[in-house]
């Protein structure tokens, strides 16, 4: 069964799109995806794409601050699983956060992030997180 990733879309820009990451082990984690199909690596980004990317990073950082008030942000351009230019935008929290009755703990705060693949939330909660970010990003 193929996943409909369009439901995760927060905002589309000229060169990039921002989506909520399905795994919210880090509350507010997003993916920033380059729209150009042949972009593989950060060094492939055009000047216009780089300029817009930094605008997005600043806007997304502000939206996350308003939404969940993270203590720090990590930006990862990995490409290990998906060979396409994209970034993982990972908010970091020194203390646990509660949102809609769910506790989010960043047990590795101050260290490299590590995705907990066992962490799951309901689709309803995921869409609430997405909606809040969407509201604060626009």
C-alpha atoms as a PDB file:
ATOM      1  CA  UNK A   1       0.000   0.000   0.000  1.00  0.00           C
ATOM      2  CA  UNK A   2       1.448   3.342  -1.080  1.00  0.00           C
ATOM      3  CA  UNK A   3       1.364   6.237   1.394  1.00  0.00           C
ATOM      4  CA  UNK A   4      -0.284   9.490   0.311  1.00  0.00           C
ATOM      5  CA  UNK A   5       2.406  11.964   1.335  1.00  0.00           C
ATOM      6  CA  UNK A   6       0.376  14.964   0.156  1.00  0.00           C
ATOM      7  CA  UNK A   7      -1.567  14.871   3.428  1.00  0.00           C
ATOM      8  CA  UNK A   8       1.671  15.815   5.237  1.00  0.00           C
ATOM      9  CA  UNK A   9       2.168  19.007   3.176  1.00  0.00           C
ATOM     10  CA  UNK A  10       2.453  22.187   5.242  1.00  0.00           C
ATOM     11  CA  UNK A  11       3.474  24.731   2.609  1.00  0.00           C
ATOM     12  CA  UNK A  12       4.776  24.873  -0.956  1.00  0.00           C
ATOM     13  CA  UNK A  13       7.300  27.488  -2.001  1.00  0.00           C
ATOM     14  CA  UNK A  14       8.683  28.197  -5.478  1.00  0.00           C
ATOM     15  CA  UNK A  15      11.596  25.735  -5.137  1.00  0.00           C
ATOM     16  CA  UNK A  16      10.789  23.716  -2.009  1.00  0.00           C
ATOM     17  CA  UNK A  17       7.936  22.180  -0.060  1.00  0.00           C
ATOM     18  CA  UNK A  18       7.678  21.732   3.692  1.00  0.00           C
ATOM     19  CA  UNK A  19       5.947  18.673   5.135  1.00  0.00           C
ATOM     20  CA  UNK A  20       5.418  17.326   8.604  1.00  0.00           C
ATOM     21  CA  UNK A  21       7.564  14.250   9.233  1.00  0.00           C
ATOM     22  CA  UNK A  22       5.482  11.162   9.910  1.00  0.00           C
ATOM     23  CA  UNK A  23       7.633  10.315  12.951  1.00  0.00           C
ATOM     24  CA  UNK A  24       7.165  12.998  15.583  1.00  0.00           C
ATOM     25  CA  UNK A  25       9.632  11.600  18.118  1.00  0.00           C
ATOM     26  CA  UNK A  26      10.951  15.165  17.920  1.00  0.00           C
ATOM     27  CA  UNK A  27       7.835  17.325  18.220  1.00  0.00           C
ATOM     28  CA  UNK A  28       7.448  19.462  15.106  1.00  0.00           C
ATOM     29  CA  UNK A  29       9.986  17.595  12.974  1.00  0.00           C
ATOM     30  CA  UNK A  30       9.613  18.511   9.307  1.00  0.00           C
ATOM     31  CA  UNK A  31      11.090  17.668   5.931  1.00  0.00           C
ATOM     32  CA  UNK A  32      12.043  20.358   3.415  1.00  0.00           C
ATOM     33  CA  UNK A  33      11.990  18.841  -0.100  1.00  0.00           C
ATOM     34  CA  UNK A  34      13.529  20.392  -3.220  1.00  0.00           C
ATOM     35  CA  UNK A  35      10.950  20.467  -6.035  1.00  0.00           C
ATOM     36  CA  UNK A  36      13.526  20.137  -8.811  1.00  0.00           C
ATOM     37  CA  UNK A  37      13.589  16.453  -9.749  1.00  0.00           C
ATOM     38  CA  UNK A  38      17.272  16.259 -10.666  1.00  0.00           C
ATOM     39  CA  UNK A  39      18.535  17.816  -7.397  1.00  0.00           C
ATOM     40  CA  UNK A  40      20.400  15.112  -5.514  1.00  0.00           C
ATOM     41  CA  UNK A  41      22.666  16.842  -3.021  1.00  0.00           C
ATOM     42  CA  UNK A  42      22.933  20.161  -1.198  1.00  0.00           C
ATOM     43  CA  UNK A  43      25.798  21.171  -3.484  1.00  0.00           C
ATOM     44  CA  UNK A  44      23.400  20.759  -6.442  1.00  0.00           C
ATOM     45  CA  UNK A  45      21.176  23.602  -5.176  1.00  0.00           C
ATOM     46  CA  UNK A  46      21.038  26.640  -7.414  1.00  0.00           C
ATOM     47  CA  UNK A  47      21.603  30.119  -6.021  1.00  0.00           C
ATOM     48  CA  UNK A  48      17.847  30.795  -6.054  1.00  0.00           C
ATOM     49  CA  UNK A  49      17.156  27.494  -4.269  1.00  0.00           C
ATOM     50  CA  UNK A  50      19.771  28.275  -1.607  1.00  0.00           C
ATOM     51  CA  UNK A  51      18.334  31.743  -0.982  1.00  0.00           C
ATOM     52  CA  UNK A  52      14.807  30.385  -0.656  1.00  0.00           C
ATOM     53  CA  UNK A  53      15.996  27.523   1.563  1.00  0.00           C
ATOM     54  CA  UNK A  54      17.396  29.981   4.098  1.00  0.00           C
ATOM     55  CA  UNK A  55      14.147  31.956   4.030  1.00  0.00           C
ATOM     56  CA  UNK A  56      12.259  28.720   4.727  1.00  0.00           C
ATOM     57  CA  UNK A  57      14.613  27.748   7.562  1.00  0.00           C
ATOM     58  CA  UNK A  58      14.076  31.113   9.240  1.00  0.00           C
ATOM     59  CA  UNK A  59      10.299  31.027   8.739  1.00  0.00           C
ATOM     60  CA  UNK A  60      10.027  27.445   9.952  1.00  0.00           C
ATOM     61  CA  UNK A  61      12.180  28.195  12.973  1.00  0.00           C
ATOM     62  CA  UNK A  62       9.866  31.078  13.906  1.00  0.00           C
ATOM     63  CA  UNK A  63       6.760  28.916  13.385  1.00  0.00           C
ATOM     64  CA  UNK A  64       8.208  26.187  15.627  1.00  0.00           C
ATOM     65  CA  UNK A  65       9.141  28.720  18.310  1.00  0.00           C
ATOM     66  CA  UNK A  66       5.559  30.006  18.386  1.00  0.00           C
ATOM     67  CA  UNK A  67       4.066  26.496  18.214  1.00  0.00           C
ATOM     68  CA  UNK A  68       6.211  24.484  20.639  1.00  0.00           C
ATOM     69  CA  UNK A  69       9.129  26.656  21.809  1.00  0.00           C
ATOM     70  CA  UNK A  70      12.050  24.284  21.143  1.00  0.00           C
ATOM     71  CA  UNK A  71      15.394  24.981  22.762  1.00  0.00           C
ATOM     72  CA  UNK A  72      17.524  24.241  19.688  1.00  0.00           C
ATOM     73  CA  UNK A  73      17.295  23.142  16.054  1.00  0.00           C
ATOM     74  CA  UNK A  74      19.140  20.509  14.033  1.00  0.00           C
ATOM     75  CA  UNK A  75      19.287  20.528  10.234  1.00  0.00           C
ATOM     76  CA  UNK A  76      20.251  17.308   8.476  1.00  0.00           C
ATOM     77  CA  UNK A  77      20.927  16.790   4.758  1.00  0.00           C
ATOM     78  CA  UNK A  78      21.549  13.056   4.717  1.00  0.00           C
ATOM     79  CA  UNK A  79      20.288  11.380   1.543  1.00  0.00           C
ATOM     80  CA  UNK A  80      21.024   7.881   2.838  1.00  0.00           C
ATOM     81  CA  UNK A  81      17.544   6.436   2.308  1.00  0.00           C
ATOM     82  CA  UNK A  82      16.231   8.793  -0.368  1.00  0.00           C
ATOM     83  CA  UNK A  83      18.684  10.070  -2.959  1.00  0.00           C
ATOM     84  CA  UNK A  84      17.096  13.484  -3.486  1.00  0.00           C
ATOM     85  CA  UNK A  85      17.877  16.942  -2.100  1.00  0.00           C
ATOM     86  CA  UNK A  86      15.932  17.338   1.125  1.00  0.00           C
ATOM     87  CA  UNK A  87      16.527  18.432   4.698  1.00  0.00           C
ATOM     88  CA  UNK A  88      15.314  17.106   8.012  1.00  0.00           C
ATOM     89  CA  UNK A  89      14.383  20.014  10.273  1.00  0.00           C
ATOM     90  CA  UNK A  90      14.560  18.680  13.828  1.00  0.00           C
ATOM     91  CA  UNK A  91      13.509  20.776  16.812  1.00  0.00           C
ATOM     92  CA  UNK A  92      15.276  19.834  20.043  1.00  0.00           C
ATOM     93  CA  UNK A  93      13.914  20.092  23.577  1.00  0.00           C
ATOM     94  CA  UNK A  94      15.879  20.239  26.808  1.00  0.00           C
ATOM     95  CA  UNK A  95      12.775  19.252  28.792  1.00  0.00           C
ATOM     96  CA  UNK A  96       9.816  17.071  27.867  1.00  0.00           C
ATOM     97  CA  UNK A  97       6.870  18.732  26.119  1.00  0.00           C
ATOM     98  CA  UNK A  98       3.208  17.850  26.408  1.00  0.00           C
ATOM     99  CA  UNK A  99       0.874  18.400  23.465  1.00  0.00           C
ATOM    100  CA  UNK A 100      -2.723  17.205  23.439  1.00  0.00           C
ATOM    101  CA  UNK A 101      -2.072  14.825  26.303  1.00  0.00           C
ATOM    102  CA  UNK A 102       1.002  13.186  24.750  1.00  0.00           C
ATOM    103  CA  UNK A 103       4.450  13.609  26.305  1.00  0.00           C
ATOM    104  CA  UNK A 104       7.319  14.160  23.867  1.00  0.00           C
ATOM    105  CA  UNK A 105      10.785  13.533  25.336  1.00  0.00           C
ATOM    106  CA  UNK A 106      14.065  14.409  23.661  1.00  0.00           C
ATOM    107  CA  UNK A 107      16.216  11.935  25.576  1.00  0.00           C
ATOM    108  CA  UNK A 108      19.257  12.773  23.453  1.00  0.00           C
ATOM    109  CA  UNK A 109      19.115  16.566  23.903  1.00  0.00           C
ATOM    110  CA  UNK A 110      22.659  17.923  23.669  1.00  0.00           C
ATOM    111  CA  UNK A 111      23.715  14.979  21.459  1.00  0.00           C
ATOM    112  CA  UNK A 112      23.088  13.894  17.883  1.00  0.00           C
ATOM    113  CA  UNK A 113      19.474  13.125  17.217  1.00  0.00           C
ATOM    114  CA  UNK A 114      18.420   9.529  16.646  1.00  0.00           C
ATOM    115  CA  UNK A 115      15.030   8.587  15.266  1.00  0.00           C
ATOM    116  CA  UNK A 116      13.051   6.285  17.528  1.00  0.00           C
ATOM    117  CA  UNK A 117      11.262   4.170  14.920  1.00  0.00           C
ATOM    118  CA  UNK A 118       9.021   2.707  17.624  1.00  0.00           C
ATOM    119  CA  UNK A 119       7.570   6.137  18.511  1.00  0.00           C
ATOM    120  CA  UNK A 120       4.072   6.549  17.088  1.00  0.00           C
ATOM    121  CA  UNK A 121       1.198   8.955  17.495  1.00  0.00           C
ATOM    122  CA  UNK A 122      -2.305   8.931  16.078  1.00  0.00           C
ATOM    123  CA  UNK A 123      -2.932  10.402  12.655  1.00  0.00           C
ATOM    124  CA  UNK A 124      -5.315  12.858  14.336  1.00  0.00           C
ATOM    125  CA  UNK A 125      -2.503  14.166  16.557  1.00  0.00           C
ATOM    126  CA  UNK A 126      -0.096  14.304  13.606  1.00  0.00           C
ATOM    127  CA  UNK A 127      -2.599  16.424  11.689  1.00  0.00           C
ATOM    128  CA  UNK A 128      -3.057  18.744  14.714  1.00  0.00           C
ATOM    129  CA  UNK A 129       0.718  19.291  14.857  1.00  0.00           C
ATOM    130  CA  UNK A 130       0.737  19.919  11.100  1.00  0.00           C
ATOM    131  CA  UNK A 131      -2.181  22.375  11.325  1.00  0.00           C
ATOM    132  CA  UNK A 132      -0.548  24.357  14.115  1.00  0.00           C
ATOM    133  CA  UNK A 133       2.700  24.644  12.156  1.00  0.00           C
ATOM    134  CA  UNK A 134       0.792  25.533   9.000  1.00  0.00           C
ATOM    135  CA  UNK A 135      -1.085  28.264  10.841  1.00  0.00           C
ATOM    136  CA  UNK A 136       2.106  29.726  12.290  1.00  0.00           C
ATOM    137  CA  UNK A 137       4.069  29.420   9.034  1.00  0.00           C
ATOM    138  CA  UNK A 138       1.567  31.404   6.977  1.00  0.00           C
END
